[in-house]
N, C-alpha and C. Protein backbone atom coordinates (compact mmCIF):
# COMPACT_ATOMS: atom_id res chain seq x y z
N VAL A 1 0.86 -1.18 0.00
CA VAL A 1 0.00 0.00 0.00
C VAL A 1 0.89 1.23 0.00
N SER A 2 0.45 2.27 -0.65
CA SER A 2 1.12 3.57 -0.57
C SER A 2 0.28 4.46 0.33
N LEU A 3 0.97 5.19 1.22
CA LEU A 3 0.33 6.10 2.15
C LEU A 3 0.64 7.52 1.71
N ALA A 4 -0.40 8.30 1.42
CA ALA A 4 -0.23 9.69 1.02
C ALA A 4 -0.68 10.59 2.17
N THR A 5 0.17 11.58 2.47
CA THR A 5 -0.13 12.55 3.52
C THR A 5 0.23 13.95 3.03
N SER A 6 -0.19 14.94 3.79
CA SER A 6 0.08 16.32 3.44
C SER A 6 0.48 17.08 4.70
N GLY A 7 1.44 17.98 4.54
CA GLY A 7 1.88 18.80 5.66
C GLY A 7 2.41 20.13 5.17
N PRO A 8 2.86 20.99 6.06
CA PRO A 8 3.35 22.32 5.67
C PRO A 8 4.50 22.28 4.66
N GLU A 9 5.31 21.22 4.71
CA GLU A 9 6.43 21.11 3.77
C GLU A 9 6.00 20.58 2.41
N GLY A 10 4.77 20.12 2.30
CA GLY A 10 4.29 19.58 1.03
C GLY A 10 3.70 18.19 1.19
N LEU A 11 3.64 17.49 0.08
CA LEU A 11 3.04 16.16 0.04
C LEU A 11 4.07 15.08 0.29
N ASP A 12 3.61 13.94 0.76
CA ASP A 12 4.48 12.79 0.95
C ASP A 12 3.69 11.55 0.55
N CYS A 13 4.33 10.64 -0.14
CA CYS A 13 3.73 9.36 -0.48
C CYS A 13 4.79 8.31 -0.24
N SER A 14 4.51 7.39 0.66
CA SER A 14 5.52 6.39 0.98
C SER A 14 4.92 4.99 0.96
N PRO A 15 5.72 4.01 0.51
CA PRO A 15 5.24 2.63 0.49
C PRO A 15 5.22 2.06 1.89
N ARG A 16 4.25 1.22 2.15
CA ARG A 16 4.13 0.47 3.41
C ARG A 16 3.91 -0.98 3.02
N GLY A 17 4.48 -1.88 3.75
CA GLY A 17 4.29 -3.28 3.43
C GLY A 17 4.56 -4.16 4.62
N ASP A 18 4.00 -5.32 4.58
CA ASP A 18 4.14 -6.29 5.66
C ASP A 18 3.51 -7.57 5.12
N LEU A 19 3.31 -8.53 5.97
CA LEU A 19 2.67 -9.76 5.56
C LEU A 19 1.21 -9.48 5.19
N PRO A 20 0.59 -10.35 4.37
CA PRO A 20 -0.82 -10.14 4.01
C PRO A 20 -1.68 -9.91 5.24
N GLY A 21 -2.58 -8.94 5.15
CA GLY A 21 -3.47 -8.62 6.25
C GLY A 21 -2.90 -7.62 7.24
N PHE A 22 -1.75 -7.01 6.92
CA PHE A 22 -1.13 -6.09 7.88
C PHE A 22 -1.95 -4.84 8.10
N VAL A 23 -2.77 -4.44 7.14
CA VAL A 23 -3.72 -3.35 7.39
C VAL A 23 -4.95 -4.01 7.98
N ARG A 24 -5.19 -3.73 9.23
CA ARG A 24 -6.23 -4.41 9.99
C ARG A 24 -7.54 -3.63 9.93
N ILE A 25 -8.62 -4.34 9.65
CA ILE A 25 -9.96 -3.74 9.69
C ILE A 25 -10.44 -3.84 11.13
N HIS A 26 -10.53 -2.69 11.79
CA HIS A 26 -10.97 -2.65 13.19
C HIS A 26 -12.49 -2.70 13.29
N ASP A 27 -13.15 -1.89 12.45
CA ASP A 27 -14.61 -1.91 12.36
C ASP A 27 -14.98 -1.35 10.99
N ALA A 28 -16.26 -1.12 10.74
CA ALA A 28 -16.73 -0.71 9.42
C ALA A 28 -16.14 0.61 8.93
N LYS A 29 -15.61 1.42 9.81
CA LYS A 29 -15.08 2.73 9.45
C LYS A 29 -13.64 2.98 9.88
N THR A 30 -12.96 1.94 10.40
CA THR A 30 -11.62 2.15 10.95
C THR A 30 -10.63 1.10 10.47
N LEU A 31 -9.48 1.58 9.96
CA LEU A 31 -8.36 0.72 9.59
C LEU A 31 -7.19 1.03 10.51
N MET A 32 -6.35 0.03 10.75
CA MET A 32 -5.15 0.23 11.56
C MET A 32 -3.97 -0.39 10.84
N MET A 33 -2.83 0.32 10.88
CA MET A 33 -1.65 -0.13 10.17
C MET A 33 -0.41 0.11 11.03
N PRO A 34 0.41 -0.92 11.23
CA PRO A 34 1.62 -0.73 12.04
C PRO A 34 2.63 0.15 11.30
N ASP A 35 3.37 0.94 12.06
CA ASP A 35 4.47 1.71 11.48
C ASP A 35 5.76 1.01 11.88
N ARG A 36 6.24 0.17 10.99
CA ARG A 36 7.45 -0.61 11.25
C ARG A 36 8.70 0.22 11.02
N ARG A 37 9.82 -0.33 11.45
CA ARG A 37 11.10 0.32 11.20
C ARG A 37 11.28 0.50 9.70
N GLY A 38 11.89 1.59 9.33
CA GLY A 38 12.13 1.85 7.92
C GLY A 38 13.37 2.68 7.76
N ASN A 39 13.21 3.77 7.03
CA ASN A 39 14.38 4.61 6.75
C ASN A 39 14.60 5.67 7.83
N ASN A 40 13.87 5.56 8.92
CA ASN A 40 13.99 6.48 10.05
C ASN A 40 13.61 7.92 9.71
N ARG A 41 12.85 8.10 8.66
CA ARG A 41 12.27 9.40 8.37
C ARG A 41 10.86 9.37 8.94
N CYS A 42 10.40 10.46 9.41
CA CYS A 42 9.07 10.51 10.03
C CYS A 42 8.14 11.43 9.25
N ASP A 43 8.38 11.59 7.94
CA ASP A 43 7.58 12.52 7.15
C ASP A 43 6.08 12.25 7.26
N SER A 44 5.68 11.00 7.04
CA SER A 44 4.25 10.66 7.08
C SER A 44 3.66 10.87 8.46
N LEU A 45 4.36 10.41 9.49
CA LEU A 45 3.84 10.54 10.85
C LEU A 45 3.74 12.01 11.25
N ARG A 46 4.76 12.77 10.94
CA ARG A 46 4.74 14.21 11.25
C ARG A 46 3.58 14.89 10.53
N ASN A 47 3.37 14.52 9.27
CA ASN A 47 2.26 15.10 8.52
C ASN A 47 0.91 14.75 9.15
N ILE A 48 0.72 13.50 9.55
CA ILE A 48 -0.55 13.07 10.14
C ILE A 48 -0.84 13.86 11.41
N VAL A 49 0.17 14.09 12.22
CA VAL A 49 -0.02 14.85 13.46
C VAL A 49 -0.49 16.27 13.15
N ARG A 50 0.02 16.86 12.07
CA ARG A 50 -0.33 18.25 11.75
C ARG A 50 -1.53 18.38 10.83
N ASP A 51 -1.77 17.37 10.00
CA ASP A 51 -2.91 17.38 9.06
C ASP A 51 -3.37 15.94 8.92
N PRO A 52 -4.48 15.57 9.53
CA PRO A 52 -4.86 14.16 9.59
C PRO A 52 -5.36 13.55 8.28
N ARG A 53 -5.50 14.34 7.23
CA ARG A 53 -6.00 13.77 5.96
C ARG A 53 -4.98 12.81 5.37
N VAL A 54 -5.44 11.61 5.02
CA VAL A 54 -4.57 10.59 4.44
C VAL A 54 -5.28 9.88 3.31
N GLY A 55 -4.48 9.26 2.45
CA GLY A 55 -5.00 8.41 1.39
C GLY A 55 -4.17 7.14 1.32
N LEU A 56 -4.83 6.03 1.08
CA LEU A 56 -4.14 4.76 0.88
C LEU A 56 -4.46 4.26 -0.52
N LEU A 57 -3.47 3.72 -1.19
CA LEU A 57 -3.66 3.09 -2.49
C LEU A 57 -3.09 1.67 -2.40
N PHE A 58 -3.99 0.71 -2.43
CA PHE A 58 -3.59 -0.70 -2.33
C PHE A 58 -3.34 -1.26 -3.72
N LEU A 59 -2.18 -1.88 -3.89
CA LEU A 59 -1.83 -2.62 -5.10
C LEU A 59 -1.68 -4.08 -4.69
N ILE A 60 -2.38 -4.96 -5.37
CA ILE A 60 -2.34 -6.37 -5.01
C ILE A 60 -1.63 -7.12 -6.13
N PRO A 61 -0.45 -7.70 -5.84
CA PRO A 61 0.30 -8.39 -6.90
C PRO A 61 -0.56 -9.36 -7.68
N GLY A 62 -0.49 -9.25 -8.99
CA GLY A 62 -1.25 -10.12 -9.87
C GLY A 62 -2.62 -9.59 -10.23
N SER A 63 -3.10 -8.59 -9.52
CA SER A 63 -4.42 -8.03 -9.77
C SER A 63 -4.29 -6.70 -10.50
N GLY A 64 -5.16 -6.46 -11.44
CA GLY A 64 -5.17 -5.18 -12.13
C GLY A 64 -5.90 -4.11 -11.35
N SER A 65 -6.66 -4.50 -10.36
CA SER A 65 -7.44 -3.54 -9.60
C SER A 65 -6.61 -2.86 -8.52
N THR A 66 -6.98 -1.63 -8.23
CA THR A 66 -6.40 -0.93 -7.09
C THR A 66 -7.56 -0.43 -6.24
N LEU A 67 -7.31 -0.33 -4.95
CA LEU A 67 -8.33 0.13 -4.02
C LEU A 67 -7.83 1.41 -3.38
N ARG A 68 -8.65 2.46 -3.43
CA ARG A 68 -8.30 3.73 -2.81
C ARG A 68 -9.17 3.94 -1.58
N VAL A 69 -8.52 4.38 -0.51
CA VAL A 69 -9.22 4.66 0.74
C VAL A 69 -8.74 6.03 1.22
N ASN A 70 -9.67 6.93 1.44
CA ASN A 70 -9.34 8.26 1.94
C ASN A 70 -10.00 8.47 3.29
N GLY A 71 -9.37 9.26 4.13
CA GLY A 71 -9.94 9.54 5.43
C GLY A 71 -9.02 10.40 6.28
N ARG A 72 -9.20 10.27 7.57
CA ARG A 72 -8.39 11.03 8.53
C ARG A 72 -7.77 10.03 9.51
N ALA A 73 -6.54 10.33 9.91
CA ALA A 73 -5.81 9.38 10.74
C ALA A 73 -5.20 10.05 11.95
N PHE A 74 -4.81 9.22 12.90
CA PHE A 74 -4.00 9.68 14.02
C PHE A 74 -2.98 8.59 14.32
N VAL A 75 -1.95 8.96 15.03
CA VAL A 75 -0.86 8.05 15.38
C VAL A 75 -0.97 7.73 16.87
N THR A 76 -0.86 6.44 17.19
CA THR A 76 -0.93 6.04 18.60
C THR A 76 0.24 5.14 18.95
N ALA A 77 0.62 5.20 20.20
CA ALA A 77 1.65 4.31 20.74
C ALA A 77 1.08 3.55 21.93
N GLU A 78 -0.22 3.27 21.88
CA GLU A 78 -0.91 2.56 22.96
C GLU A 78 -0.29 1.15 23.09
N PRO A 79 0.27 0.83 24.24
CA PRO A 79 1.03 -0.42 24.40
C PRO A 79 0.30 -1.70 23.99
N GLU A 80 -0.97 -1.84 24.37
CA GLU A 80 -1.69 -3.07 24.02
C GLU A 80 -1.89 -3.20 22.51
N LEU A 81 -2.15 -2.08 21.85
CA LEU A 81 -2.32 -2.10 20.41
C LEU A 81 -0.99 -2.42 19.72
N LEU A 82 0.09 -1.81 20.17
CA LEU A 82 1.41 -2.12 19.61
C LEU A 82 1.71 -3.61 19.76
N ALA A 83 1.44 -4.15 20.93
CA ALA A 83 1.72 -5.56 21.19
C ALA A 83 0.92 -6.47 20.26
N SER A 84 -0.28 -6.06 19.87
CA SER A 84 -1.12 -6.89 19.00
C SER A 84 -0.56 -6.97 17.58
N PHE A 85 0.37 -6.09 17.23
CA PHE A 85 0.98 -6.09 15.90
C PHE A 85 2.40 -6.67 15.90
N LYS A 86 2.80 -7.35 16.98
CA LYS A 86 4.17 -7.89 17.06
C LYS A 86 4.45 -8.87 15.93
N MET A 87 5.68 -8.78 15.42
CA MET A 87 6.20 -9.74 14.45
C MET A 87 7.56 -10.17 14.95
N GLU A 88 7.78 -11.48 15.03
CA GLU A 88 9.04 -12.02 15.53
C GLU A 88 9.42 -11.38 16.86
N GLY A 89 8.42 -11.16 17.71
CA GLY A 89 8.64 -10.61 19.04
C GLY A 89 8.86 -9.11 19.09
N LYS A 90 8.77 -8.43 17.95
CA LYS A 90 9.03 -6.99 17.92
C LYS A 90 7.75 -6.23 17.57
N ALA A 91 7.38 -5.31 18.44
CA ALA A 91 6.20 -4.47 18.19
C ALA A 91 6.60 -3.29 17.32
N PRO A 92 5.65 -2.76 16.55
CA PRO A 92 5.97 -1.54 15.80
C PRO A 92 6.16 -0.37 16.77
N ARG A 93 6.75 0.68 16.28
CA ARG A 93 6.95 1.87 17.12
C ARG A 93 5.65 2.60 17.38
N THR A 94 4.79 2.63 16.36
CA THR A 94 3.48 3.26 16.47
C THR A 94 2.50 2.52 15.56
N VAL A 95 1.24 2.88 15.67
CA VAL A 95 0.19 2.38 14.79
C VAL A 95 -0.56 3.58 14.24
N ILE A 96 -0.82 3.55 12.94
CA ILE A 96 -1.63 4.59 12.30
C ILE A 96 -3.07 4.09 12.31
N VAL A 97 -3.96 4.87 12.88
CA VAL A 97 -5.39 4.53 12.95
C VAL A 97 -6.11 5.47 12.00
N MET A 98 -6.83 4.90 11.04
CA MET A 98 -7.49 5.70 10.01
C MET A 98 -9.00 5.56 10.09
N ASN A 99 -9.68 6.70 10.16
CA ASN A 99 -11.13 6.74 10.07
C ASN A 99 -11.49 6.92 8.60
N VAL A 100 -12.12 5.93 8.03
CA VAL A 100 -12.42 5.90 6.59
C VAL A 100 -13.57 6.84 6.27
N GLU A 101 -13.35 7.71 5.27
CA GLU A 101 -14.40 8.62 4.79
C GLU A 101 -14.91 8.21 3.42
N GLU A 102 -14.02 7.67 2.58
CA GLU A 102 -14.46 7.17 1.28
C GLU A 102 -13.55 6.04 0.84
N ILE A 103 -14.16 5.12 0.08
CA ILE A 103 -13.43 3.96 -0.41
C ILE A 103 -13.99 3.61 -1.78
N TYR A 104 -13.09 3.36 -2.73
CA TYR A 104 -13.54 3.01 -4.07
C TYR A 104 -12.42 2.35 -4.85
N PHE A 105 -12.81 1.63 -5.89
CA PHE A 105 -11.82 1.02 -6.78
C PHE A 105 -11.37 2.08 -7.76
N GLN A 106 -10.08 2.07 -8.03
CA GLN A 106 -9.49 2.97 -9.02
C GLN A 106 -9.46 2.22 -10.35
N CYS A 107 -9.59 2.94 -11.43
CA CYS A 107 -9.55 2.34 -12.76
C CYS A 107 -8.27 1.52 -12.92
N ALA A 108 -8.41 0.32 -13.44
CA ALA A 108 -7.27 -0.59 -13.58
C ALA A 108 -6.45 -0.36 -14.85
N ARG A 109 -6.86 0.58 -15.70
CA ARG A 109 -6.18 0.74 -16.99
C ARG A 109 -4.67 0.99 -16.87
N ALA A 110 -4.26 1.80 -15.91
CA ALA A 110 -2.82 2.09 -15.77
C ALA A 110 -2.03 0.82 -15.44
N ILE A 111 -2.58 -0.02 -14.59
CA ILE A 111 -1.91 -1.28 -14.24
C ILE A 111 -1.87 -2.20 -15.45
N VAL A 112 -2.98 -2.28 -16.18
CA VAL A 112 -3.05 -3.13 -17.36
C VAL A 112 -2.09 -2.62 -18.44
N ARG A 113 -2.11 -1.31 -18.71
CA ARG A 113 -1.22 -0.74 -19.74
C ARG A 113 0.25 -0.97 -19.40
N SER A 114 0.60 -0.84 -18.14
CA SER A 114 2.01 -0.98 -17.75
C SER A 114 2.46 -2.44 -17.71
N ASP A 115 1.49 -3.36 -17.72
CA ASP A 115 1.82 -4.79 -17.63
C ASP A 115 2.65 -5.04 -16.36
N LEU A 116 2.28 -4.35 -15.31
CA LEU A 116 3.06 -4.30 -14.07
C LEU A 116 3.42 -5.67 -13.51
N TRP A 117 2.49 -6.59 -13.53
CA TRP A 117 2.72 -7.87 -12.87
C TRP A 117 3.31 -8.93 -13.79
N ASN A 118 3.62 -8.59 -15.02
CA ASN A 118 4.18 -9.54 -15.97
C ASN A 118 5.67 -9.74 -15.69
N PRO A 119 6.09 -10.94 -15.24
CA PRO A 119 7.51 -11.15 -14.92
C PRO A 119 8.43 -10.97 -16.12
N ASP A 120 7.91 -11.18 -17.33
CA ASP A 120 8.74 -11.00 -18.53
C ASP A 120 9.08 -9.54 -18.79
N LYS A 121 8.36 -8.62 -18.15
CA LYS A 121 8.58 -7.19 -18.37
C LYS A 121 9.44 -6.56 -17.28
N ARG A 122 9.89 -7.36 -16.34
CA ARG A 122 10.70 -6.82 -15.24
C ARG A 122 12.08 -6.41 -15.75
N ILE A 123 12.57 -5.35 -15.17
CA ILE A 123 13.89 -4.83 -15.53
C ILE A 123 14.94 -5.58 -14.72
N ASP A 124 16.03 -5.93 -15.37
CA ASP A 124 17.15 -6.57 -14.68
C ASP A 124 17.75 -5.55 -13.72
N PRO A 125 17.77 -5.84 -12.42
CA PRO A 125 18.32 -4.88 -11.46
C PRO A 125 19.75 -4.45 -11.78
N ALA A 126 20.51 -5.30 -12.43
CA ALA A 126 21.90 -4.95 -12.79
C ALA A 126 21.95 -3.81 -13.79
N ALA A 127 20.82 -3.53 -14.48
CA ALA A 127 20.79 -2.45 -15.46
C ALA A 127 20.51 -1.10 -14.80
N LEU A 128 20.21 -1.11 -13.51
CA LEU A 128 19.87 0.12 -12.78
C LEU A 128 21.00 0.50 -11.83
N PRO A 129 21.11 1.78 -11.50
CA PRO A 129 22.07 2.15 -10.45
C PRO A 129 21.59 1.61 -9.11
N THR A 130 22.50 1.29 -8.23
CA THR A 130 22.14 0.77 -6.92
C THR A 130 21.79 1.93 -5.99
N PRO A 131 21.09 1.65 -4.89
CA PRO A 131 20.84 2.72 -3.92
C PRO A 131 22.13 3.38 -3.44
N GLY A 132 23.16 2.57 -3.20
CA GLY A 132 24.44 3.13 -2.76
C GLY A 132 25.03 4.09 -3.79
N GLN A 133 24.93 3.73 -5.06
CA GLN A 133 25.43 4.62 -6.12
C GLN A 133 24.63 5.92 -6.18
N ILE A 134 23.32 5.82 -6.04
CA ILE A 134 22.47 7.02 -6.08
C ILE A 134 22.78 7.93 -4.90
N LEU A 135 22.86 7.34 -3.69
CA LEU A 135 23.18 8.14 -2.50
C LEU A 135 24.55 8.81 -2.63
N ALA A 136 25.54 8.07 -3.13
CA ALA A 136 26.88 8.64 -3.29
C ALA A 136 26.85 9.82 -4.25
N GLU A 137 26.15 9.67 -5.33
CA GLU A 137 26.08 10.76 -6.33
C GLU A 137 25.36 11.98 -5.76
N MET A 138 24.27 11.74 -5.05
CA MET A 138 23.50 12.85 -4.49
C MET A 138 24.24 13.59 -3.38
N SER A 139 25.11 12.87 -2.66
CA SER A 139 25.79 13.45 -1.50
C SER A 139 27.24 13.81 -1.78
N GLU A 140 27.61 13.86 -3.04
CA GLU A 140 29.00 14.13 -3.41
C GLU A 140 29.93 13.13 -2.72
N HIS A 141 29.47 11.90 -2.64
CA HIS A 141 30.23 10.75 -2.13
C HIS A 141 30.52 10.82 -0.63
N THR A 142 29.66 11.51 0.12
CA THR A 142 29.83 11.53 1.58
C THR A 142 29.06 10.39 2.24
N VAL A 143 28.04 9.85 1.59
CA VAL A 143 27.33 8.66 2.08
C VAL A 143 27.08 7.74 0.90
N GLY A 144 26.72 6.51 1.20
CA GLY A 144 26.39 5.56 0.15
C GLY A 144 27.61 4.83 -0.37
N GLY A 145 27.56 4.46 -1.62
CA GLY A 145 28.66 3.76 -2.26
C GLY A 145 28.57 2.26 -2.12
N GLU A 146 29.67 1.60 -2.53
CA GLU A 146 29.72 0.14 -2.53
C GLU A 146 29.52 -0.46 -1.14
N LYS A 147 30.11 0.19 -0.13
CA LYS A 147 29.98 -0.31 1.24
C LYS A 147 28.51 -0.32 1.67
N TYR A 148 27.78 0.73 1.34
CA TYR A 148 26.35 0.81 1.66
C TYR A 148 25.61 -0.37 1.04
N ASP A 149 25.85 -0.60 -0.26
CA ASP A 149 25.18 -1.70 -0.96
C ASP A 149 25.58 -3.06 -0.39
N ARG A 150 26.84 -3.23 -0.07
CA ARG A 150 27.34 -4.51 0.45
C ARG A 150 26.73 -4.81 1.82
N GLU A 151 26.55 -3.79 2.66
CA GLU A 151 26.04 -3.99 4.02
C GLU A 151 24.51 -4.02 4.09
N TRP A 152 23.83 -3.60 3.02
CA TRP A 152 22.37 -3.50 3.05
C TRP A 152 21.65 -4.81 3.40
N PRO A 153 22.00 -5.95 2.80
CA PRO A 153 21.24 -7.16 3.13
C PRO A 153 21.25 -7.50 4.63
N GLU A 154 22.39 -7.34 5.30
CA GLU A 154 22.46 -7.65 6.72
C GLU A 154 21.69 -6.60 7.53
N ARG A 155 21.79 -5.31 7.15
CA ARG A 155 21.01 -4.26 7.84
C ARG A 155 19.53 -4.56 7.73
N ALA A 156 19.09 -4.93 6.54
CA ALA A 156 17.67 -5.22 6.33
C ALA A 156 17.23 -6.42 7.18
N ARG A 157 18.06 -7.46 7.19
CA ARG A 157 17.71 -8.66 7.96
C ARG A 157 17.57 -8.32 9.45
N GLN A 158 18.49 -7.53 9.98
CA GLN A 158 18.48 -7.22 11.40
C GLN A 158 17.37 -6.26 11.80
N THR A 159 16.88 -5.48 10.86
CA THR A 159 15.88 -4.45 11.22
C THR A 159 14.54 -4.66 10.53
N MET A 160 14.28 -5.85 10.03
CA MET A 160 13.04 -6.10 9.27
C MET A 160 11.79 -5.77 10.07
N TRP A 161 11.74 -6.15 11.32
CA TRP A 161 10.54 -5.92 12.12
C TRP A 161 10.85 -4.92 13.19
């Protein structure tokens, strides 16, 4: 799912993911989503605190359909709720609670035109610059580089949940 928020600095749209069912339906008008460890940026959370309007766009691998959900959210660190979202013994830092105002399917044409889920259309990762290369270029080689790319798999493994 992509989470879209708005704040004084502008718009933010960030991917969220977890095992199937990670966005929990609490009741007919409320969704809950754990905020797991990530890149340690708090853009979305900061935006929600200042402007609760949010949008979710669900993409389901293999499906041409997308589901859009708009509403207002708040961030909670209520211990019992955090504990209910534990994975491998680790609770999320916070949970985003969304009050749903509208929900609808988005036209599937963009997904169909892009052939997004076709494995034959996937780009070979070796043909793309690596995150380390991009970071190094953007930072005039003060961060990133080969070491960043080499250490990434272990960092990801240790901080997945």
